[in-house]
Amino acid sequence: MAAHHRELHVVRDAEGRLHLAATVPDFAARATYLCGPPALMARVERMWDEAGAAARLRHERFVVAGV
């Protein structure tokens, strides 16, 4: 993605994992919208909770309807 968006800069560790707090240091001060796989959403929610910013995080969950 960064190749197509020159203004985008990401910080990754040695294993290639993205470090949001290093990339967006003021993440807790921003309104944020979250949608994704359950494990990702749980990690992001935990990060916002730990930063005292849970009220700024909006999320949407999709579930598979019963057949």
Protein backbone atom coordinates (compact mmCIF):
# COMPACT_ATOMS: atom_id res chain seq x y z
CA MET A 1 0.00 0.00 0.00
CA ALA A 2 2.80 2.42 0.83
CA ALA A 3 4.12 2.06 -2.72
CA HIS A 4 0.87 3.56 -4.03
CA HIS A 5 0.57 6.23 -1.32
CA ARG A 6 3.85 8.08 -0.94
CA GLU A 7 2.57 10.01 2.09
CA LEU A 8 1.88 6.77 3.99
CA HIS A 9 4.58 5.71 6.44
CA VAL A 10 4.36 2.65 8.63
CA VAL A 11 6.60 1.36 11.40
CA ARG A 12 7.16 -2.37 11.58
CA ASP A 13 9.15 -4.51 13.96
CA ALA A 14 11.68 -7.19 12.96
CA GLU A 15 8.85 -9.70 12.35
CA GLY A 16 7.00 -7.24 10.08
CA ARG A 17 4.22 -6.40 12.52
CA LEU A 18 2.70 -2.93 12.29
CA HIS A 19 3.12 -0.68 15.31
CA LEU A 20 0.24 1.75 15.31
CA ALA A 21 1.42 3.83 18.27
CA ALA A 22 4.74 4.47 16.52
CA THR A 23 3.03 5.26 13.21
CA VAL A 24 0.23 7.39 14.70
CA PRO A 25 1.45 8.63 18.11
CA ASP A 26 -1.77 10.56 18.81
CA PHE A 27 -4.08 7.64 17.95
CA ALA A 28 -5.89 7.95 21.31
CA ALA A 29 -6.89 11.54 20.51
CA ARG A 30 -8.49 10.62 17.20
CA ALA A 31 -11.96 9.35 16.41
CA THR A 32 -11.43 5.86 14.99
CA TYR A 33 -13.63 3.44 13.09
CA LEU A 34 -12.89 -0.28 13.35
CA CYS A 35 -14.06 -3.29 11.38
CA GLY A 36 -12.18 -6.50 10.70
CA PRO A 37 -11.51 -10.03 11.85
CA PRO A 38 -12.40 -10.75 15.50
CA ALA A 39 -8.78 -11.11 16.67
CA LEU A 40 -7.80 -7.77 15.12
CA MET A 41 -10.82 -6.04 16.63
CA ALA A 42 -10.09 -7.49 20.08
CA ARG A 43 -6.48 -6.26 19.94
CA VAL A 44 -7.47 -2.76 18.79
CA GLU A 45 -10.21 -2.51 21.43
CA ARG A 46 -7.72 -3.55 24.11
CA MET A 47 -5.22 -0.96 22.87
CA TRP A 48 -7.81 1.84 22.98
CA ASP A 49 -8.99 0.70 26.44
CA GLU A 50 -5.42 0.74 27.77
CA ALA A 51 -4.96 4.26 26.37
CA GLY A 52 -8.18 5.45 28.05
CA ALA A 53 -9.67 6.19 24.63
CA ALA A 54 -12.42 3.58 24.34
CA ALA A 55 -15.04 6.30 23.88
CA ARG A 56 -13.31 7.43 20.65
CA LEU A 57 -13.45 3.97 19.06
CA ARG A 58 -16.48 3.09 16.95
CA HIS A 59 -16.81 -0.43 15.67
CA GLU A 60 -19.01 -2.51 13.41
CA ARG A 61 -19.19 -6.27 13.54
CA PHE A 62 -20.54 -8.48 10.82
CA VAL A 63 -21.88 -11.94 11.54
CA VAL A 64 -22.95 -14.73 9.25
CA ALA A 65 -26.71 -15.13 9.29
CA GLY A 66 -28.08 -18.57 10.10
CA VAL A 67 -29.04 -20.61 7.08
